C-alpha atoms as a PDB file:
ATOM      1  CA  UNK A   1      95.688 132.519  94.703  1.00  0.00           C
ATOM      2  CA  UNK A   2      95.509 130.525  91.458  1.00  0.00           C
ATOM      3  CA  UNK A   3      98.061 130.895  88.659  1.00  0.00           C
ATOM      4  CA  UNK A   4      97.991 129.240  85.231  1.00  0.00           C
ATOM      5  CA  UNK A   5     101.220 127.299  84.628  1.00  0.00           C
ATOM      6  CA  UNK A   6     102.697 124.882  82.104  1.00  0.00           C
ATOM      7  CA  UNK A   7     105.431 122.262  82.402  1.00  0.00           C
ATOM      8  CA  UNK A   8     106.787 119.400  80.302  1.00  0.00           C
ATOM      9  CA  UNK A   9     106.096 115.685  80.674  1.00  0.00           C
ATOM     10  CA  UNK A  10     107.945 113.428  78.227  1.00  0.00           C
ATOM     11  CA  UNK A  11     108.130 116.345  75.802  1.00  0.00           C
ATOM     12  CA  UNK A  12     104.429 117.269  76.066  1.00  0.00           C
ATOM     13  CA  UNK A  13     103.353 120.597  77.524  1.00  0.00           C
ATOM     14  CA  UNK A  14     100.907 120.077  80.396  1.00  0.00           C
ATOM     15  CA  UNK A  15      98.539 122.784  81.614  1.00  0.00           C
ATOM     16  CA  UNK A  16      98.100 123.290  85.339  1.00  0.00           C
ATOM     17  CA  UNK A  17      96.644 125.501  88.019  1.00  0.00           C
ATOM     18  CA  UNK A  18      99.096 126.399  90.779  1.00  0.00           C
ATOM     19  CA  UNK A  19      97.413 127.296  94.069  1.00  0.00           C
ATOM     20  CA  UNK A  20      99.301 129.241  96.712  1.00  0.00           C
ATOM     21  CA  UNK A  21      98.195 130.354 100.193  1.00  0.00           C
ATOM     22  CA  UNK A  22      96.936 133.922 100.461  1.00  0.00           C
ATOM     23  CA  UNK A  23      99.403 134.755 103.220  1.00  0.00           C
ATOM     24  CA  UNK A  24     103.130 135.041 102.659  1.00  0.00           C
ATOM     25  CA  UNK A  25     106.033 133.745 104.730  1.00  0.00           C
ATOM     26  CA  UNK A  26     109.096 135.397 103.157  1.00  0.00           C
ATOM     27  CA  UNK A  27     112.183 133.227 103.201  1.00  0.00           C
ATOM     28  CA  UNK A  28     110.299 130.158 104.473  1.00  0.00           C
ATOM     29  CA  UNK A  29     109.752 127.513 101.760  1.00  0.00           C
ATOM     30  CA  UNK A  30     106.430 125.702 101.955  1.00  0.00           C
ATOM     31  CA  UNK A  31     105.440 122.071 101.553  1.00  0.00           C
ATOM     32  CA  UNK A  32     103.759 121.288  98.245  1.00  0.00           C
ATOM     33  CA  UNK A  33     101.302 118.697  96.925  1.00  0.00           C
ATOM     34  CA  UNK A  34     100.717 117.443  93.384  1.00  0.00           C
ATOM     35  CA  UNK A  35      97.029 116.644  92.813  1.00  0.00           C
ATOM     36  CA  UNK A  36      95.930 114.289  90.016  1.00  0.00           C
ATOM     37  CA  UNK A  37      92.426 114.198  88.526  1.00  0.00           C
ATOM     38  CA  UNK A  38      90.061 111.245  88.040  1.00  0.00           C
ATOM     39  CA  UNK A  39      89.870 109.394  84.743  1.00  0.00           C
ATOM     40  CA  UNK A  40      88.146 111.628  82.134  1.00  0.00           C
ATOM     41  CA  UNK A  41      88.330 114.551  84.597  1.00  0.00           C
ATOM     42  CA  UNK A  42      90.067 117.894  84.252  1.00  0.00           C
ATOM     43  CA  UNK A  43      91.833 120.241  86.661  1.00  0.00           C
ATOM     44  CA  UNK A  44      88.756 122.454  86.959  1.00  0.00           C
ATOM     45  CA  UNK A  45      86.814 119.658  88.680  1.00  0.00           C
ATOM     46  CA  UNK A  46      87.627 117.456  91.702  1.00  0.00           C
ATOM     47  CA  UNK A  47      91.416 117.835  91.644  1.00  0.00           C
ATOM     48  CA  UNK A  48      91.120 121.624  91.512  1.00  0.00           C
ATOM     49  CA  UNK A  49      88.686 121.610  94.422  1.00  0.00           C
ATOM     50  CA  UNK A  50      91.055 119.583  96.622  1.00  0.00           C
ATOM     51  CA  UNK A  51      94.053 121.638  95.494  1.00  0.00           C
ATOM     52  CA  UNK A  52      92.295 124.876  96.426  1.00  0.00           C
ATOM     53  CA  UNK A  53      91.079 123.576  99.776  1.00  0.00           C
ATOM     54  CA  UNK A  54      94.582 122.356 100.708  1.00  0.00           C
ATOM     55  CA  UNK A  55      96.141 125.649  99.612  1.00  0.00           C
ATOM     56  CA  UNK A  56      93.789 127.341 102.055  1.00  0.00           C
ATOM     57  CA  UNK A  57      95.490 125.192 104.723  1.00  0.00           C
ATOM     58  CA  UNK A  58      98.963 126.492 103.821  1.00  0.00           C
ATOM     59  CA  UNK A  59     100.234 124.106 101.130  1.00  0.00           C
ATOM     60  CA  UNK A  60     101.362 125.018  97.639  1.00  0.00           C
ATOM     61  CA  UNK A  61      99.315 122.747  95.384  1.00  0.00           C
ATOM     62  CA  UNK A  62      99.283 121.899  91.689  1.00  0.00           C
ATOM     63  CA  UNK A  63      96.278 120.492  89.828  1.00  0.00           C
ATOM     64  CA  UNK A  64      96.939 119.730  86.164  1.00  0.00           C
ATOM     65  CA  UNK A  65      95.454 118.087  83.088  1.00  0.00           C
ATOM     66  CA  UNK A  66      96.979 114.768  82.090  1.00  0.00           C
ATOM     67  CA  UNK A  67      98.711 114.504  78.731  1.00  0.00           C
ATOM     68  CA  UNK A  68      96.257 113.988  75.838  1.00  0.00           C
ATOM     69  CA  UNK A  69      93.464 115.482  77.944  1.00  0.00           C
ATOM     70  CA  UNK A  70      92.013 118.848  78.954  1.00  0.00           C
ATOM     71  CA  UNK A  71      94.229 121.787  77.989  1.00  0.00           C
ATOM     72  CA  UNK A  72      97.406 119.691  77.905  1.00  0.00           C
ATOM     73  CA  UNK A  73      99.195 118.628  74.729  1.00  0.00           C
ATOM     74  CA  UNK A  74      99.151 115.146  73.270  1.00  0.00           C
ATOM     75  CA  UNK A  75      97.718 113.342  70.248  1.00  0.00           C
ATOM     76  CA  UNK A  76      95.473 111.475  69.912  1.00  0.00           C
ATOM     77  CA  UNK A  77      93.101 113.337  72.154  1.00  0.00           C
ATOM     78  CA  UNK A  78      91.344 111.447  74.967  1.00  0.00           C
ATOM     79  CA  UNK A  79      94.041 108.789  75.242  1.00  0.00           C
ATOM     80  CA  UNK A  80      94.259 107.234  78.711  1.00  0.00           C
ATOM     81  CA  UNK A  81      97.819 105.918  78.983  1.00  0.00           C
ATOM     82  CA  UNK A  82      98.673 104.730  82.516  1.00  0.00           C
ATOM     83  CA  UNK A  83     102.424 104.900  81.945  1.00  0.00           C
ATOM     84  CA  UNK A  84     102.138 108.481  80.733  1.00  0.00           C
ATOM     85  CA  UNK A  85      99.832 109.366  83.623  1.00  0.00           C
ATOM     86  CA  UNK A  86     102.464 108.192  86.113  1.00  0.00           C
ATOM     87  CA  UNK A  87     105.108 110.153  84.210  1.00  0.00           C
ATOM     88  CA  UNK A  88     102.859 113.246  84.368  1.00  0.00           C
ATOM     89  CA  UNK A  89     102.759 113.066  88.161  1.00  0.00           C
ATOM     90  CA  UNK A  90     106.548 112.760  88.348  1.00  0.00           C
ATOM     91  CA  UNK A  91     106.928 115.703  85.957  1.00  0.00           C
ATOM     92  CA  UNK A  92     104.623 117.738  88.206  1.00  0.00           C
ATOM     93  CA  UNK A  93     106.883 116.919  91.162  1.00  0.00           C
ATOM     94  CA  UNK A  94     109.878 118.086  89.127  1.00  0.00           C
ATOM     95  CA  UNK A  95     108.111 121.344  88.286  1.00  0.00           C
ATOM     96  CA  UNK A  96     107.140 122.052  91.896  1.00  0.00           C
ATOM     97  CA  UNK A  97     110.691 121.365  93.013  1.00  0.00           C
ATOM     98  CA  UNK A  98     111.991 124.204  90.836  1.00  0.00           C
ATOM     99  CA  UNK A  99     109.671 126.872  92.247  1.00  0.00           C
ATOM    100  CA  UNK A 100     110.780 129.586  94.625  1.00  0.00           C
ATOM    101  CA  UNK A 101     108.863 129.218  97.851  1.00  0.00           C
ATOM    102  CA  UNK A 102     108.591 125.425  97.616  1.00  0.00           C
ATOM    103  CA  UNK A 103     110.772 123.115  99.676  1.00  0.00           C
ATOM    104  CA  UNK A 104     111.783 120.325  97.233  1.00  0.00           C
ATOM    105  CA  UNK A 105     112.297 118.000 100.183  1.00  0.00           C
ATOM    106  CA  UNK A 106     108.668 118.386 101.306  1.00  0.00           C
ATOM    107  CA  UNK A 107     106.559 117.375  98.314  1.00  0.00           C
ATOM    108  CA  UNK A 108     103.594 115.029  98.552  1.00  0.00           C
ATOM    109  CA  UNK A 109     101.157 113.532  96.059  1.00  0.00           C
ATOM    110  CA  UNK A 110      97.381 113.226  96.134  1.00  0.00           C
ATOM    111  CA  UNK A 111      95.346 111.271  93.614  1.00  0.00           C
ATOM    112  CA  UNK A 112      91.600 111.039  93.150  1.00  0.00           C
ATOM    113  CA  UNK A 113      89.925 107.985  91.573  1.00  0.00           C
ATOM    114  CA  UNK A 114      92.213 106.806  88.728  1.00  0.00           C
ATOM    115  CA  UNK A 115      94.934 109.192  89.880  1.00  0.00           C
ATOM    116  CA  UNK A 116      94.669 107.597  93.291  1.00  0.00           C
ATOM    117  CA  UNK A 117      96.128 104.482  91.731  1.00  0.00           C
ATOM    118  CA  UNK A 118      98.574 106.394  89.565  1.00  0.00           C
ATOM    119  CA  UNK A 119      99.802 108.403  92.562  1.00  0.00           C
ATOM    120  CA  UNK A 120     100.653 105.168  94.388  1.00  0.00           C
ATOM    121  CA  UNK A 121     102.606 103.904  91.379  1.00  0.00           C
ATOM    122  CA  UNK A 122     104.447 107.216  91.012  1.00  0.00           C
ATOM    123  CA  UNK A 123     105.322 107.343  94.688  1.00  0.00           C
ATOM    124  CA  UNK A 124     106.560 103.755  94.710  1.00  0.00           C
ATOM    125  CA  UNK A 125     109.323 104.623  92.237  1.00  0.00           C
ATOM    126  CA  UNK A 126     109.963 108.299  93.000  1.00  0.00           C
ATOM    127  CA  UNK A 127     111.474 108.933  96.445  1.00  0.00           C
ATOM    128  CA  UNK A 128     111.051 112.687  95.992  1.00  0.00           C
ATOM    129  CA  UNK A 129     107.403 112.128  96.949  1.00  0.00           C
ATOM    130  CA  UNK A 130     107.594 112.113 100.734  1.00  0.00           C
ATOM    131  CA  UNK A 131     103.967 111.178 101.478  1.00  0.00           C
ATOM    132  CA  UNK A 132     101.027 110.034  99.358  1.00  0.00           C
ATOM    133  CA  UNK A 133      97.293 110.266  99.809  1.00  0.00           C
ATOM    134  CA  UNK A 134      94.414 108.983  97.687  1.00  0.00           C
ATOM    135  CA  UNK A 135      90.681 109.660  97.643  1.00  0.00           C
ATOM    136  CA  UNK A 136      88.368 106.988  96.155  1.00  0.00           C
ATOM    137  CA  UNK A 137      91.460 105.258  94.743  1.00  0.00           C
ATOM    138  CA  UNK A 138      90.953 103.079  91.684  1.00  0.00           C
ATOM    139  CA  UNK A 139      93.314 100.899  89.708  1.00  0.00           C
ATOM    140  CA  UNK A 140      92.044 101.411  86.163  1.00  0.00           C
ATOM    141  CA  UNK A 141      93.315  97.979  85.147  1.00  0.00           C
ATOM    142  CA  UNK A 142      91.275  96.236  87.814  1.00  0.00           C
ATOM    143  CA  UNK A 143      88.233  98.330  86.965  1.00  0.00           C
ATOM    144  CA  UNK A 144      88.454  97.457  83.262  1.00  0.00           C
ATOM    145  CA  UNK A 145      89.218  93.781  83.891  1.00  0.00           C
ATOM    146  CA  UNK A 146      86.994  93.128  86.896  1.00  0.00           C
ATOM    147  CA  UNK A 147      84.480  95.975  86.947  1.00  0.00           C
ATOM    148  CA  UNK A 148      83.947  98.711  89.518  1.00  0.00           C
ATOM    149  CA  UNK A 149      82.521  96.151  91.945  1.00  0.00           C
ATOM    150  CA  UNK A 150      85.028  93.395  91.134  1.00  0.00           C
ATOM    151  CA  UNK A 151      82.321  91.065  89.801  1.00  0.00           C
ATOM    152  CA  UNK A 152      82.370  91.771  86.057  1.00  0.00           C
ATOM    153  CA  UNK A 153      81.974  88.908  83.568  1.00  0.00           C
ATOM    154  CA  UNK A 154      85.421  88.223  81.977  1.00  0.00           C
ATOM    155  CA  UNK A 155      83.709  88.349  78.572  1.00  0.00           C
ATOM    156  CA  UNK A 156      83.346  92.130  78.937  1.00  0.00           C
ATOM    157  CA  UNK A 157      87.056  92.927  78.925  1.00  0.00           C
ATOM    158  CA  UNK A 158      87.662  90.240  76.289  1.00  0.00           C
ATOM    159  CA  UNK A 159      85.203  92.014  74.030  1.00  0.00           C
ATOM    160  CA  UNK A 160      86.822  95.383  74.698  1.00  0.00           C
ATOM    161  CA  UNK A 161      90.285  94.020  73.900  1.00  0.00           C
ATOM    162  CA  UNK A 162      88.967  92.586  70.641  1.00  0.00           C
ATOM    163  CA  UNK A 163      87.472  95.961  69.748  1.00  0.00           C
ATOM    164  CA  UNK A 164      90.724  97.722  70.662  1.00  0.00           C
ATOM    165  CA  UNK A 165      92.690  95.385  68.400  1.00  0.00           C
ATOM    166  CA  UNK A 166      90.242  95.994  65.553  1.00  0.00           C
ATOM    167  CA  UNK A 167      90.600  99.750  66.075  1.00  0.00           C
ATOM    168  CA  UNK A 168      94.384  99.506  65.833  1.00  0.00           C
ATOM    169  CA  UNK A 169      94.066  97.628  62.531  1.00  0.00           C
ATOM    170  CA  UNK A 170      91.567 100.169  61.194  1.00  0.00           C
ATOM    171  CA  UNK A 171      93.754 103.105  62.141  1.00  0.00           C
ATOM    172  CA  UNK A 172      96.784 101.459  60.546  1.00  0.00           C
ATOM    173  CA  UNK A 173      94.714 101.284  57.349  1.00  0.00           C
ATOM    174  CA  UNK A 174      94.071 105.007  57.432  1.00  0.00           C
ATOM    175  CA  UNK A 175      90.861 105.274  59.470  1.00  0.00           C
ATOM    176  CA  UNK A 176      90.333 108.152  61.898  1.00  0.00           C
ATOM    177  CA  UNK A 177      91.103 107.606  65.579  1.00  0.00           C
ATOM    178  CA  UNK A 178      88.540 105.189  66.983  1.00  0.00           C
ATOM    179  CA  UNK A 179      86.841 106.126  70.273  1.00  0.00           C
ATOM    180  CA  UNK A 180      84.138 104.737  72.551  1.00  0.00           C
ATOM    181  CA  UNK A 181      81.764 106.699  74.820  1.00  0.00           C
ATOM    182  CA  UNK A 182      82.559 106.627  78.532  1.00  0.00           C
ATOM    183  CA  UNK A 183      79.074 107.545  79.753  1.00  0.00           C
ATOM    184  CA  UNK A 184      75.540 106.565  78.754  1.00  0.00           C
ATOM    185  CA  UNK A 185      73.805 108.969  76.390  1.00  0.00           C
ATOM    186  CA  UNK A 186      70.727 109.585  78.545  1.00  0.00           C
ATOM    187  CA  UNK A 187      69.707 109.707  82.201  1.00  0.00           C
ATOM    188  CA  UNK A 188      67.444 106.712  81.637  1.00  0.00           C
ATOM    189  CA  UNK A 189      70.337 104.624  80.350  1.00  0.00           C
ATOM    190  CA  UNK A 190      72.559 105.802  83.189  1.00  0.00           C
ATOM    191  CA  UNK A 191      70.017 104.809  85.832  1.00  0.00           C
ATOM    192  CA  UNK A 192      69.625 101.424  84.178  1.00  0.00           C
ATOM    193  CA  UNK A 193      73.365 100.874  84.635  1.00  0.00           C
ATOM    194  CA  UNK A 194      73.070 101.033  88.420  1.00  0.00           C
ATOM    195  CA  UNK A 195      73.994 103.605  91.096  1.00  0.00           C
ATOM    196  CA  UNK A 196      77.716 103.783  90.287  1.00  0.00           C
ATOM    197  CA  UNK A 197      77.126 104.371  86.576  1.00  0.00           C
ATOM    198  CA  UNK A 198      74.446 106.937  87.326  1.00  0.00           C
ATOM    199  CA  UNK A 199      76.516 108.945  89.801  1.00  0.00           C
ATOM    200  CA  UNK A 200      79.387 109.156  87.323  1.00  0.00           C
ATOM    201  CA  UNK A 201      76.995 110.269  84.594  1.00  0.00           C
ATOM    202  CA  UNK A 202      75.415 112.863  86.890  1.00  0.00           C
ATOM    203  CA  UNK A 203      78.792 114.314  87.871  1.00  0.00           C
ATOM    204  CA  UNK A 204      80.267 114.555  84.376  1.00  0.00           C
ATOM    205  CA  UNK A 205      77.185 115.096  82.214  1.00  0.00           C
ATOM    206  CA  UNK A 206      74.960 117.491  84.186  1.00  0.00           C
ATOM    207  CA  UNK A 207      75.408 121.023  85.562  1.00  0.00           C
ATOM    208  CA  UNK A 208      76.616 119.473  88.821  1.00  0.00           C
ATOM    209  CA  UNK A 209      80.199 119.381  87.512  1.00  0.00           C
ATOM    210  CA  UNK A 210      80.248 119.054  83.716  1.00  0.00           C
ATOM    211  CA  UNK A 211      83.094 120.775  81.906  1.00  0.00           C
ATOM    212  CA  UNK A 212      83.564 121.183  78.150  1.00  0.00           C
ATOM    213  CA  UNK A 213      87.121 119.804  78.252  1.00  0.00           C
ATOM    214  CA  UNK A 214      86.473 116.681  80.316  1.00  0.00           C
ATOM    215  CA  UNK A 215      86.651 113.534  78.173  1.00  0.00           C
ATOM    216  CA  UNK A 216      83.304 112.122  77.084  1.00  0.00           C
ATOM    217  CA  UNK A 217      84.993 109.297  75.159  1.00  0.00           C
ATOM    218  CA  UNK A 218      88.335 107.488  75.228  1.00  0.00           C
ATOM    219  CA  UNK A 219      90.394 106.099  72.368  1.00  0.00           C
ATOM    220  CA  UNK A 220      90.110 102.363  71.860  1.00  0.00           C
ATOM    221  CA  UNK A 221      93.911 102.257  72.004  1.00  0.00           C
ATOM    222  CA  UNK A 222      93.575 103.167  75.678  1.00  0.00           C
ATOM    223  CA  UNK A 223      91.995  99.812  76.496  1.00  0.00           C
ATOM    224  CA  UNK A 224      94.929  97.431  76.075  1.00  0.00           C
ATOM    225  CA  UNK A 225      97.267  99.949  77.742  1.00  0.00           C
ATOM    226  CA  UNK A 226      94.958 100.085  80.753  1.00  0.00           C
ATOM    227  CA  UNK A 227      94.289  96.344  80.944  1.00  0.00           C
ATOM    228  CA  UNK A 228      98.011  95.522  81.064  1.00  0.00           C
ATOM    229  CA  UNK A 229      99.035  98.126  83.663  1.00  0.00           C
ATOM    230  CA  UNK A 230      98.827  97.186  87.356  1.00  0.00           C
ATOM    231  CA  UNK A 231      99.065 100.369  89.412  1.00  0.00           C
ATOM    232  CA  UNK A 232      99.352  98.382  92.646  1.00  0.00           C
ATOM    233  CA  UNK A 233     102.223  96.142  91.485  1.00  0.00           C
ATOM    234  CA  UNK A 234     104.986  98.147  93.170  1.00  0.00           C
ATOM    235  CA  UNK A 235     103.200  99.740  96.122  1.00  0.00           C
ATOM    236  CA  UNK A 236     105.369  97.823  98.611  1.00  0.00           C
ATOM    237  CA  UNK A 237     108.160 100.211  97.554  1.00  0.00           C
ATOM    238  CA  UNK A 238     106.284 103.148  99.111  1.00  0.00           C
ATOM    239  CA  UNK A 239     107.514 102.143 102.581  1.00  0.00           C
ATOM    240  CA  UNK A 240     108.820 103.638 104.784  1.00  0.00           C
ATOM    241  CA  UNK A 241     107.027 106.707 103.441  1.00  0.00           C
ATOM    242  CA  UNK A 242     103.470 107.143 104.736  1.00  0.00           C
ATOM    243  CA  UNK A 243     100.212 106.409 102.911  1.00  0.00           C
ATOM    244  CA  UNK A 244      96.667 107.672 103.553  1.00  0.00           C
ATOM    245  CA  UNK A 245      93.730 106.135 101.685  1.00  0.00           C
ATOM    246  CA  UNK A 246      90.354 107.874 102.052  1.00  0.00           C
ATOM    247  CA  UNK A 247      87.338 105.819 101.033  1.00  0.00           C
ATOM    248  CA  UNK A 248      83.581 106.303 101.054  1.00  0.00           C
ATOM    249  CA  UNK A 249      81.859 103.667 103.143  1.00  0.00           C
ATOM    250  CA  UNK A 250      79.205 103.338 100.404  1.00  0.00           C
ATOM    251  CA  UNK A 251      81.683 103.288  97.498  1.00  0.00           C
ATOM    252  CA  UNK A 252      81.350 100.232  95.256  1.00  0.00           C
ATOM    253  CA  UNK A 253      85.058 100.666  94.427  1.00  0.00           C
ATOM    254  CA  UNK A 254      86.246 100.527  98.043  1.00  0.00           C
ATOM    255  CA  UNK A 255      87.638  96.998  97.615  1.00  0.00           C
ATOM    256  CA  UNK A 256      90.461  98.415  95.510  1.00  0.00           C
ATOM    257  CA  UNK A 257      91.619 100.752  98.290  1.00  0.00           C
ATOM    258  CA  UNK A 258      91.457  97.813 100.722  1.00  0.00           C
ATOM    259  CA  UNK A 259      93.597  95.719  98.380  1.00  0.00           C
ATOM    260  CA  UNK A 260      96.171  98.496  97.978  1.00  0.00           C
ATOM    261  CA  UNK A 261      96.220  99.019 101.747  1.00  0.00           C
ATOM    262  CA  UNK A 262      96.965  95.346 102.315  1.00  0.00           C
ATOM    263  CA  UNK A 263      99.932  95.465  99.916  1.00  0.00           C
ATOM    264  CA  UNK A 264     101.681  98.354 101.719  1.00  0.00           C
ATOM    265  CA  UNK A 265     103.922  97.543 104.693  1.00  0.00           C
ATOM    266  CA  UNK A 266     104.988 100.986 105.932  1.00  0.00           C
ATOM    267  CA  UNK A 267     103.067 103.642 107.886  1.00  0.00           C
ATOM    268  CA  UNK A 268      99.528 103.608 106.518  1.00  0.00           C
ATOM    269  CA  UNK A 269      95.953 104.554 107.308  1.00  0.00           C
ATOM    270  CA  UNK A 270      92.653 103.603 105.697  1.00  0.00           C
ATOM    271  CA  UNK A 271      90.132 106.315 106.582  1.00  0.00           C
ATOM    272  CA  UNK A 272      86.428 105.692 105.956  1.00  0.00           C
ATOM    273  CA  UNK A 273      84.007 108.542 105.245  1.00  0.00           C
ATOM    274  CA  UNK A 274      80.630 107.366 106.474  1.00  0.00           C
ATOM    275  CA  UNK A 275      77.760 107.566 104.013  1.00  0.00           C
ATOM    276  CA  UNK A 276      79.924 108.618 101.048  1.00  0.00           C
ATOM    277  CA  UNK A 277      79.883 106.896  97.682  1.00  0.00           C
ATOM    278  CA  UNK A 278      82.803 106.929  95.244  1.00  0.00           C
ATOM    279  CA  UNK A 279      81.771 110.129  93.443  1.00  0.00           C
ATOM    280  CA  UNK A 280      80.363 111.848  96.558  1.00  0.00           C
ATOM    281  CA  UNK A 281      83.989 112.448  97.547  1.00  0.00           C
ATOM    282  CA  UNK A 282      84.612 114.434  94.359  1.00  0.00           C
ATOM    283  CA  UNK A 283      82.590 117.492  95.310  1.00  0.00           C
ATOM    284  CA  UNK A 284      79.929 117.098  98.010  1.00  0.00           C
ATOM    285  CA  UNK A 285      80.982 119.319 100.895  1.00  0.00           C
ATOM    286  CA  UNK A 286      79.575 117.028 103.593  1.00  0.00           C
ATOM    287  CA  UNK A 287      82.161 114.446 102.521  1.00  0.00           C
ATOM    288  CA  UNK A 288      84.928 116.586 101.020  1.00  0.00           C
ATOM    289  CA  UNK A 289      85.354 118.609 104.236  1.00  0.00           C
ATOM    290  CA  UNK A 290      86.222 115.624 106.484  1.00  0.00           C
ATOM    291  CA  UNK A 291      88.440 114.238 103.711  1.00  0.00           C
ATOM    292  CA  UNK A 292      90.339 117.529 103.512  1.00  0.00           C
ATOM    293  CA  UNK A 293      90.663 117.571 107.316  1.00  0.00           C
ATOM    294  CA  UNK A 294      92.296 114.132 107.192  1.00  0.00           C
ATOM    295  CA  UNK A 295      94.575 115.130 104.326  1.00  0.00           C
ATOM    296  CA  UNK A 296      95.577 118.361 106.038  1.00  0.00           C
ATOM    297  CA  UNK A 297      96.613 116.547 109.204  1.00  0.00           C
ATOM    298  CA  UNK A 298      98.373 113.805 107.246  1.00  0.00           C
ATOM    299  CA  UNK A 299     100.431 116.085 105.018  1.00  0.00           C
ATOM    300  CA  UNK A 300     101.118 118.596 107.802  1.00  0.00           C
ATOM    301  CA  UNK A 301     102.606 115.803 109.900  1.00  0.00           C
ATOM    302  CA  UNK A 302     104.615 114.098 107.181  1.00  0.00           C
ATOM    303  CA  UNK A 303     105.760 117.131 105.194  1.00  0.00           C
ATOM    304  CA  UNK A 304     106.817 119.026 108.306  1.00  0.00           C
ATOM    305  CA  UNK A 305     110.040 121.030 108.210  1.00  0.00           C
END
């Protein structure tokens, strides 16, 4: 069952979908999982799919829109603020912990893509999160600075930081909020950008998964926030709580999950999904199903009564 809910994060009202199992166990509180969406995504896409599938396995799950995005509050719109995104996940944990039927001592976190990185950062500094999983985890800072494949020319991020600074000056002078497009305008341009660019474009800009509230552009003031925030900086603090990283074998971003895995010293597992790319794990059943199986076993074991 899905219920529309709202909760506060740093004074902003966030919109979420709470998923609960169809069968009841009166008097027995359930384990719960907060599920964060990819960058530019919304709760109706990948995070909602994983939340629903895990609720079918007996967990209470919460997929929600980050502040400044989707149906959640926050101005300017389409701001990607890593610090706020981490705060949003912690606020979601707080909300779940207040619900009847949820055991506040058995809450986990799951992040997809950008939220995979944010979930690690939130868990590192919030011991209420008893176990953390990530699917196609990305550190947005590394992606902006180094590129999805880790081989980006340093001049690219330098140019983006210069543009972000110029946007701040323009806005201070009274200009409207400055934004840049996240995806190419056409299929031809997307294909020219390579497989990773194209698969992101296909997911977000075609009937495959497009949604009117997903962000098509980000504010330029997002760029310097992202570039300066290292979501893997504190992951050593996750131990002794367990970590599960699920990665597509064909994902160009897989190096980031490997790096995060190497920085964690407690119980951990790096699970490869053969044949899957980064975005395949968002919605393609052939890859989502084995990922959900791994997550189900992981959270069932580590959020046990």
